[in-house]
Amino acid sequence: MATHVYSFAKGTNEIYRPLLPIVIINPINKASINFWGLLDSGADECMFPKIVADNLGHDLKGSTAVYTSNQGIGENKVDLWKHPFKIQLLSPDRKTIVWKSKDCLIGCTDHDNVPVLLGYTTFLSNFKITLNYPTKKILIEIN
């Protein structure tokens, strides 16, 4: 079992957040982009902002997209268009890939007002993760 220790990263408003360095890949055209993904233990699935779909060549609301509406915070629904992606987790120094997902359908919003969210089904369920807020450290164990 491999163990990796990441430091929280400064997000907006100078707040430290549990962000991980990832690579997001479109498995159809092999385009990729590096992003910081926010660990979200309250999210059932991953969710990407529109910029991810746009940069990786997906037609956000095109005929191949799978439309869904998920529950957001409170009473708000979130419209999503699912597209195929792969996620790769980078090492803490961001030089090597330490984990690769299989192809998965991930919902993208039609705006960029959200971060890349790493949820349970398509990401978190693959690891044992310990968040240590006082030390601002993330411990990830990979089988």
N, C-alpha and C. Protein backbone atom coordinates (compact mmCIF):
# COMPACT_ATOMS: atom_id res chain seq x y z
N MET A 1 0.85 -1.18 0.00
CA MET A 1 0.00 0.00 0.00
C MET A 1 0.90 1.24 0.00
N ALA A 2 0.67 2.12 -0.96
CA ALA A 2 1.44 3.37 -1.05
C ALA A 2 0.73 4.47 -0.28
N THR A 3 1.50 5.27 0.42
CA THR A 3 0.96 6.39 1.18
C THR A 3 1.59 7.68 0.69
N HIS A 4 0.76 8.69 0.49
CA HIS A 4 1.22 10.00 0.02
C HIS A 4 0.68 11.08 0.95
N VAL A 5 1.51 12.06 1.26
CA VAL A 5 1.11 13.17 2.12
C VAL A 5 1.12 14.46 1.31
N TYR A 6 -0.02 15.10 1.26
CA TYR A 6 -0.20 16.37 0.54
C TYR A 6 -0.44 17.47 1.55
N SER A 7 -0.07 18.67 1.20
CA SER A 7 -0.38 19.84 2.02
C SER A 7 -1.64 20.49 1.47
N PHE A 8 -2.47 21.02 2.37
CA PHE A 8 -3.59 21.82 1.92
C PHE A 8 -3.03 22.96 1.05
N ALA A 9 -3.83 23.45 0.14
CA ALA A 9 -3.41 24.57 -0.71
C ALA A 9 -4.32 25.76 -0.45
N LYS A 10 -3.79 26.93 -0.66
CA LYS A 10 -4.61 28.13 -0.50
C LYS A 10 -5.60 28.23 -1.64
N GLY A 11 -6.85 28.32 -1.27
CA GLY A 11 -7.90 28.52 -2.25
C GLY A 11 -8.26 30.00 -2.29
N THR A 12 -9.47 30.27 -2.67
CA THR A 12 -9.94 31.65 -2.70
C THR A 12 -10.01 32.21 -1.29
N ASN A 13 -9.91 33.49 -1.16
CA ASN A 13 -9.99 34.18 0.13
C ASN A 13 -8.91 33.74 1.12
N GLU A 14 -7.78 33.24 0.57
CA GLU A 14 -6.65 32.84 1.42
C GLU A 14 -6.99 31.74 2.41
N ILE A 15 -8.03 30.96 2.13
CA ILE A 15 -8.43 29.86 3.00
C ILE A 15 -7.74 28.59 2.51
N TYR A 16 -7.14 27.84 3.44
CA TYR A 16 -6.52 26.57 3.08
C TYR A 16 -7.59 25.52 2.89
N ARG A 17 -7.46 24.77 1.80
CA ARG A 17 -8.46 23.76 1.45
C ARG A 17 -7.77 22.44 1.08
N PRO A 18 -8.51 21.32 1.22
CA PRO A 18 -7.94 20.03 0.82
C PRO A 18 -8.02 19.85 -0.69
N LEU A 19 -7.04 20.43 -1.37
CA LEU A 19 -6.96 20.38 -2.83
C LEU A 19 -5.86 19.40 -3.24
N LEU A 20 -6.15 18.61 -4.27
CA LEU A 20 -5.18 17.65 -4.77
C LEU A 20 -4.82 17.97 -6.23
N PRO A 21 -3.55 17.73 -6.60
CA PRO A 21 -3.15 17.94 -8.00
C PRO A 21 -3.58 16.74 -8.84
N ILE A 22 -4.38 17.01 -9.87
CA ILE A 22 -4.88 15.94 -10.73
C ILE A 22 -4.68 16.31 -12.19
N VAL A 23 -4.76 15.29 -13.02
CA VAL A 23 -4.81 15.45 -14.47
C VAL A 23 -6.17 14.93 -14.89
N ILE A 24 -6.89 15.69 -15.70
CA ILE A 24 -8.18 15.27 -16.22
C ILE A 24 -7.99 15.02 -17.71
N ILE A 25 -8.47 13.87 -18.19
CA ILE A 25 -8.24 13.45 -19.57
C ILE A 25 -9.57 13.16 -20.25
N ASN A 26 -9.67 13.59 -21.51
CA ASN A 26 -10.77 13.19 -22.37
C ASN A 26 -10.31 11.90 -23.04
N PRO A 27 -10.91 10.74 -22.71
CA PRO A 27 -10.41 9.48 -23.27
C PRO A 27 -10.69 9.32 -24.77
N ILE A 28 -11.52 10.20 -25.33
CA ILE A 28 -11.83 10.11 -26.75
C ILE A 28 -10.71 10.72 -27.60
N ASN A 29 -10.31 11.95 -27.27
CA ASN A 29 -9.28 12.62 -28.07
C ASN A 29 -7.92 12.69 -27.37
N LYS A 30 -7.86 12.14 -26.15
CA LYS A 30 -6.63 12.10 -25.33
C LYS A 30 -6.14 13.46 -24.84
N ALA A 31 -6.94 14.51 -25.02
CA ALA A 31 -6.56 15.84 -24.51
C ALA A 31 -6.56 15.78 -22.98
N SER A 32 -5.67 16.55 -22.36
CA SER A 32 -5.59 16.55 -20.90
C SER A 32 -5.33 17.96 -20.38
N ILE A 33 -5.65 18.14 -19.10
CA ILE A 33 -5.44 19.42 -18.45
C ILE A 33 -5.15 19.15 -16.97
N ASN A 34 -4.22 19.89 -16.41
CA ASN A 34 -3.92 19.78 -14.98
C ASN A 34 -4.82 20.73 -14.20
N PHE A 35 -5.30 20.26 -13.06
CA PHE A 35 -6.19 21.05 -12.22
C PHE A 35 -5.93 20.73 -10.76
N TRP A 36 -6.44 21.57 -9.89
CA TRP A 36 -6.51 21.27 -8.47
C TRP A 36 -7.93 20.81 -8.21
N GLY A 37 -8.10 19.65 -7.59
CA GLY A 37 -9.42 19.12 -7.27
C GLY A 37 -9.69 19.23 -5.78
N LEU A 38 -10.87 19.69 -5.44
CA LEU A 38 -11.28 19.84 -4.04
C LEU A 38 -11.92 18.55 -3.55
N LEU A 39 -11.37 17.96 -2.50
CA LEU A 39 -11.97 16.78 -1.89
C LEU A 39 -13.30 17.18 -1.28
N ASP A 40 -14.37 16.49 -1.68
CA ASP A 40 -15.71 16.84 -1.20
C ASP A 40 -16.40 15.58 -0.71
N SER A 41 -16.27 15.31 0.59
CA SER A 41 -16.85 14.09 1.17
C SER A 41 -18.38 14.12 1.16
N GLY A 42 -18.98 15.26 0.91
CA GLY A 42 -20.43 15.36 0.84
C GLY A 42 -20.98 15.18 -0.56
N ALA A 43 -20.10 15.04 -1.54
CA ALA A 43 -20.53 14.89 -2.93
C ALA A 43 -20.57 13.40 -3.30
N ASP A 44 -21.68 12.96 -3.86
CA ASP A 44 -21.78 11.57 -4.30
C ASP A 44 -20.85 11.29 -5.48
N GLU A 45 -20.73 12.26 -6.35
CA GLU A 45 -19.94 12.10 -7.57
C GLU A 45 -19.03 13.31 -7.77
N CYS A 46 -18.12 13.17 -8.71
CA CYS A 46 -17.29 14.32 -9.11
C CYS A 46 -18.13 15.28 -9.94
N MET A 47 -17.70 16.52 -9.98
CA MET A 47 -18.36 17.53 -10.79
C MET A 47 -17.29 18.50 -11.29
N PHE A 48 -17.38 18.84 -12.57
CA PHE A 48 -16.40 19.74 -13.18
C PHE A 48 -17.07 21.01 -13.67
N PRO A 49 -16.35 22.14 -13.62
CA PRO A 49 -16.87 23.38 -14.21
C PRO A 49 -16.79 23.28 -15.74
N LYS A 50 -17.49 24.16 -16.40
CA LYS A 50 -17.57 24.20 -17.87
C LYS A 50 -16.20 24.26 -18.53
N ILE A 51 -15.26 24.97 -17.91
CA ILE A 51 -13.94 25.16 -18.50
C ILE A 51 -13.24 23.82 -18.79
N VAL A 52 -13.51 22.81 -17.98
CA VAL A 52 -12.90 21.50 -18.19
C VAL A 52 -13.42 20.89 -19.49
N ALA A 53 -14.75 20.86 -19.66
CA ALA A 53 -15.33 20.31 -20.88
C ALA A 53 -14.84 21.08 -22.11
N ASP A 54 -14.85 22.40 -22.01
CA ASP A 54 -14.42 23.23 -23.13
C ASP A 54 -12.97 22.97 -23.52
N ASN A 55 -12.08 22.93 -22.53
CA ASN A 55 -10.66 22.76 -22.81
C ASN A 55 -10.30 21.36 -23.29
N LEU A 56 -11.14 20.39 -22.99
CA LEU A 56 -10.83 19.02 -23.40
C LEU A 56 -11.62 18.56 -24.62
N GLY A 57 -12.33 19.47 -25.26
CA GLY A 57 -12.97 19.16 -26.53
C GLY A 57 -14.34 18.54 -26.46
N HIS A 58 -14.99 18.57 -25.31
CA HIS A 58 -16.37 18.08 -25.22
C HIS A 58 -17.33 19.22 -25.57
N ASP A 59 -18.37 18.91 -26.36
CA ASP A 59 -19.44 19.86 -26.64
C ASP A 59 -20.40 19.76 -25.45
N LEU A 60 -20.33 20.73 -24.53
CA LEU A 60 -20.99 20.63 -23.24
C LEU A 60 -22.42 20.10 -23.32
N LYS A 61 -23.26 20.72 -24.16
CA LYS A 61 -24.66 20.33 -24.24
C LYS A 61 -24.97 19.60 -25.54
N GLY A 62 -23.93 19.04 -26.16
CA GLY A 62 -24.08 18.35 -27.44
C GLY A 62 -24.89 17.06 -27.33
N SER A 63 -25.13 16.44 -28.48
CA SER A 63 -26.00 15.26 -28.55
C SER A 63 -25.43 14.05 -27.81
N THR A 64 -24.13 13.99 -27.58
CA THR A 64 -23.56 12.84 -26.87
C THR A 64 -23.55 13.03 -25.35
N ALA A 65 -23.87 14.22 -24.88
CA ALA A 65 -23.89 14.49 -23.44
C ALA A 65 -25.11 13.83 -22.80
N VAL A 66 -24.94 13.35 -21.58
CA VAL A 66 -26.04 12.77 -20.80
C VAL A 66 -26.47 13.82 -19.79
N TYR A 67 -27.69 14.35 -19.97
CA TYR A 67 -28.18 15.41 -19.08
C TYR A 67 -28.70 14.80 -17.78
N THR A 68 -28.41 15.47 -16.68
CA THR A 68 -28.95 15.09 -15.38
C THR A 68 -29.09 16.34 -14.53
N SER A 69 -29.92 16.26 -13.52
CA SER A 69 -30.08 17.35 -12.58
C SER A 69 -29.86 16.77 -11.19
N ASN A 70 -28.85 17.28 -10.51
CA ASN A 70 -28.50 16.77 -9.18
C ASN A 70 -28.88 17.78 -8.10
N GLN A 71 -29.00 17.27 -6.90
CA GLN A 71 -29.27 18.14 -5.76
C GLN A 71 -28.00 18.90 -5.39
N GLY A 72 -28.11 20.20 -5.29
CA GLY A 72 -26.99 21.02 -4.86
C GLY A 72 -27.12 21.32 -3.39
N ILE A 73 -26.62 22.46 -2.99
CA ILE A 73 -26.72 22.87 -1.60
C ILE A 73 -28.11 23.43 -1.35
N GLY A 74 -28.71 23.04 -0.24
CA GLY A 74 -30.05 23.52 0.09
C GLY A 74 -31.09 22.98 -0.88
N GLU A 75 -31.95 23.86 -1.36
CA GLU A 75 -33.01 23.45 -2.27
C GLU A 75 -32.62 23.58 -3.73
N ASN A 76 -31.42 24.05 -4.00
CA ASN A 76 -31.01 24.31 -5.38
C ASN A 76 -30.63 23.04 -6.12
N LYS A 77 -31.15 22.91 -7.33
CA LYS A 77 -30.77 21.83 -8.24
C LYS A 77 -29.61 22.32 -9.10
N VAL A 78 -28.76 21.38 -9.52
CA VAL A 78 -27.63 21.70 -10.38
C VAL A 78 -27.79 20.92 -11.68
N ASP A 79 -27.88 21.62 -12.81
CA ASP A 79 -27.96 20.97 -14.11
C ASP A 79 -26.55 20.55 -14.53
N LEU A 80 -26.43 19.30 -14.97
CA LEU A 80 -25.14 18.76 -15.38
C LEU A 80 -25.26 18.03 -16.71
N TRP A 81 -24.18 18.08 -17.48
CA TRP A 81 -24.07 17.34 -18.73
C TRP A 81 -22.87 16.43 -18.58
N LYS A 82 -23.14 15.11 -18.58
CA LYS A 82 -22.08 14.14 -18.32
C LYS A 82 -21.33 13.77 -19.59
N HIS A 83 -20.01 13.69 -19.43
CA HIS A 83 -19.10 13.32 -20.51
C HIS A 83 -18.07 12.34 -19.98
N PRO A 84 -17.43 11.57 -20.89
CA PRO A 84 -16.40 10.64 -20.43
C PRO A 84 -15.10 11.36 -20.09
N PHE A 85 -14.53 10.97 -18.96
CA PHE A 85 -13.25 11.50 -18.52
C PHE A 85 -12.46 10.39 -17.83
N LYS A 86 -11.19 10.62 -17.66
CA LYS A 86 -10.33 9.85 -16.77
C LYS A 86 -9.69 10.85 -15.83
N ILE A 87 -9.41 10.41 -14.60
CA ILE A 87 -8.74 11.26 -13.62
C ILE A 87 -7.45 10.57 -13.22
N GLN A 88 -6.38 11.33 -13.14
CA GLN A 88 -5.12 10.81 -12.64
C GLN A 88 -4.69 11.67 -11.46
N LEU A 89 -4.32 11.01 -10.38
CA LEU A 89 -3.82 11.71 -9.20
C LEU A 89 -2.31 11.83 -9.32
N LEU A 90 -1.82 13.04 -9.15
CA LEU A 90 -0.38 13.29 -9.20
C LEU A 90 0.23 13.14 -7.81
N SER A 91 1.52 12.87 -7.78
CA SER A 91 2.25 12.80 -6.51
C SER A 91 2.27 14.19 -5.87
N PRO A 92 2.60 14.26 -4.59
CA PRO A 92 2.63 15.57 -3.93
C PRO A 92 3.55 16.59 -4.62
N ASP A 93 4.63 16.13 -5.26
CA ASP A 93 5.51 17.07 -5.98
C ASP A 93 5.04 17.31 -7.42
N ARG A 94 3.93 16.69 -7.78
CA ARG A 94 3.28 16.85 -9.09
C ARG A 94 4.14 16.38 -10.26
N LYS A 95 5.08 15.46 -10.02
CA LYS A 95 5.97 14.99 -11.07
C LYS A 95 5.60 13.62 -11.63
N THR A 96 4.86 12.84 -10.86
CA THR A 96 4.49 11.50 -11.33
C THR A 96 3.02 11.22 -11.04
N ILE A 97 2.49 10.28 -11.79
CA ILE A 97 1.11 9.84 -11.59
C ILE A 97 1.12 8.69 -10.60
N VAL A 98 0.32 8.79 -9.53
CA VAL A 98 0.29 7.75 -8.51
C VAL A 98 -0.98 6.91 -8.55
N TRP A 99 -1.99 7.35 -9.32
CA TRP A 99 -3.24 6.60 -9.44
C TRP A 99 -3.96 7.05 -10.71
N LYS A 100 -4.62 6.08 -11.37
CA LYS A 100 -5.40 6.36 -12.58
C LYS A 100 -6.79 5.76 -12.44
N SER A 101 -7.79 6.55 -12.82
CA SER A 101 -9.16 6.03 -12.82
C SER A 101 -9.41 5.29 -14.12
N LYS A 102 -10.50 4.56 -14.13
CA LYS A 102 -11.02 4.00 -15.38
C LYS A 102 -11.81 5.11 -16.05
N ASP A 103 -12.30 4.88 -17.26
CA ASP A 103 -13.19 5.84 -17.89
C ASP A 103 -14.44 5.99 -17.03
N CYS A 104 -14.89 7.22 -16.85
CA CYS A 104 -16.09 7.46 -16.06
C CYS A 104 -16.84 8.66 -16.64
N LEU A 105 -18.15 8.65 -16.44
CA LEU A 105 -18.98 9.79 -16.85
C LEU A 105 -19.03 10.78 -15.69
N ILE A 106 -18.65 12.01 -15.98
CA ILE A 106 -18.64 13.04 -14.95
C ILE A 106 -19.44 14.24 -15.44
N GLY A 107 -20.29 14.75 -14.56
CA GLY A 107 -21.13 15.88 -14.89
C GLY A 107 -20.38 17.19 -14.88
N CYS A 108 -20.67 18.01 -15.89
CA CYS A 108 -20.07 19.34 -16.02
C CYS A 108 -21.18 20.38 -15.94
N THR A 109 -20.92 21.46 -15.23
CA THR A 109 -21.88 22.56 -15.15
C THR A 109 -21.77 23.43 -16.39
N ASP A 110 -22.73 24.34 -16.59
CA ASP A 110 -22.67 25.24 -17.73
C ASP A 110 -22.11 26.61 -17.32
N HIS A 111 -21.32 26.61 -16.25
CA HIS A 111 -20.66 27.84 -15.79
C HIS A 111 -19.36 27.44 -15.09
N ASP A 112 -18.59 28.44 -14.69
CA ASP A 112 -17.32 28.20 -14.02
C ASP A 112 -17.32 28.69 -12.58
N ASN A 113 -18.48 28.73 -11.96
CA ASN A 113 -18.60 29.23 -10.59
C ASN A 113 -18.38 28.16 -9.53
N VAL A 114 -17.85 27.00 -9.93
CA VAL A 114 -17.58 25.91 -9.00
C VAL A 114 -16.16 25.40 -9.25
N PRO A 115 -15.55 24.85 -8.22
CA PRO A 115 -14.24 24.23 -8.43
C PRO A 115 -14.42 22.82 -9.00
N VAL A 116 -13.34 22.18 -9.37
CA VAL A 116 -13.36 20.76 -9.68
C VAL A 116 -13.62 20.06 -8.35
N LEU A 117 -14.74 19.34 -8.26
CA LEU A 117 -15.10 18.64 -7.03
C LEU A 117 -14.82 17.16 -7.20
N LEU A 118 -14.11 16.58 -6.25
CA LEU A 118 -13.79 15.16 -6.26
C LEU A 118 -14.69 14.46 -5.25
N GLY A 119 -15.70 13.76 -5.76
CA GLY A 119 -16.70 13.12 -4.92
C GLY A 119 -16.47 11.64 -4.71
N TYR A 120 -17.42 11.01 -4.03
CA TYR A 120 -17.29 9.65 -3.55
C TYR A 120 -17.19 8.59 -4.66
N THR A 121 -18.22 8.49 -5.49
CA THR A 121 -18.33 7.37 -6.43
C THR A 121 -17.16 7.27 -7.39
N THR A 122 -16.77 8.37 -7.97
CA THR A 122 -15.75 8.32 -9.03
C THR A 122 -14.34 8.64 -8.55
N PHE A 123 -14.18 8.99 -7.27
CA PHE A 123 -12.83 9.31 -6.80
C PHE A 123 -12.57 8.82 -5.37
N LEU A 124 -13.22 9.41 -4.39
CA LEU A 124 -12.90 9.16 -2.99
C LEU A 124 -12.99 7.70 -2.58
N SER A 125 -13.90 6.94 -3.19
CA SER A 125 -14.09 5.54 -2.81
C SER A 125 -12.87 4.66 -3.12
N ASN A 126 -11.91 5.19 -3.84
CA ASN A 126 -10.72 4.43 -4.21
C ASN A 126 -9.59 4.52 -3.18
N PHE A 127 -9.76 5.32 -2.14
CA PHE A 127 -8.66 5.59 -1.21
C PHE A 127 -9.11 5.58 0.24
N LYS A 128 -8.11 5.44 1.11
CA LYS A 128 -8.30 5.78 2.52
C LYS A 128 -7.70 7.16 2.66
N ILE A 129 -8.51 8.13 3.06
CA ILE A 129 -8.07 9.52 3.13
C ILE A 129 -8.24 10.04 4.55
N THR A 130 -7.19 10.66 5.05
CA THR A 130 -7.25 11.32 6.35
C THR A 130 -6.98 12.80 6.15
N LEU A 131 -7.90 13.63 6.60
CA LEU A 131 -7.72 15.07 6.54
C LEU A 131 -7.35 15.57 7.93
N ASN A 132 -6.22 16.22 8.05
CA ASN A 132 -5.77 16.76 9.33
C ASN A 132 -5.78 18.28 9.21
N TYR A 133 -6.88 18.87 9.64
CA TYR A 133 -7.03 20.32 9.50
C TYR A 133 -6.04 21.12 10.34
N PRO A 134 -5.73 20.73 11.59
CA PRO A 134 -4.76 21.52 12.35
C PRO A 134 -3.37 21.59 11.68
N THR A 135 -2.94 20.49 11.05
CA THR A 135 -1.62 20.49 10.40
C THR A 135 -1.71 20.82 8.90
N LYS A 136 -2.95 20.94 8.40
CA LYS A 136 -3.20 21.21 6.97
C LYS A 136 -2.54 20.16 6.08
N LYS A 137 -2.75 18.89 6.42
CA LYS A 137 -2.18 17.77 5.68
C LYS A 137 -3.28 16.81 5.24
N ILE A 138 -3.06 16.18 4.08
CA ILE A 138 -3.94 15.15 3.54
C ILE A 138 -3.10 13.89 3.43
N LEU A 139 -3.53 12.80 4.04
CA LEU A 139 -2.85 11.52 3.95
C LEU A 139 -3.71 10.61 3.09
N ILE A 140 -3.13 10.12 1.98
CA ILE A 140 -3.87 9.25 1.08
C ILE A 140 -3.14 7.92 0.98
N GLU A 141 -3.91 6.85 1.26
CA GLU A 141 -3.39 5.49 1.12
C GLU A 141 -4.03 4.86 -0.11
N ILE A 142 -3.17 4.34 -1.00
CA ILE A 142 -3.62 3.73 -2.24
C ILE A 142 -3.30 2.25 -2.21
N ASN A 143 -4.32 1.41 -2.44
CA ASN A 143 -4.09 -0.04 -2.48
C ASN A 143 -3.46 -0.45 -3.78
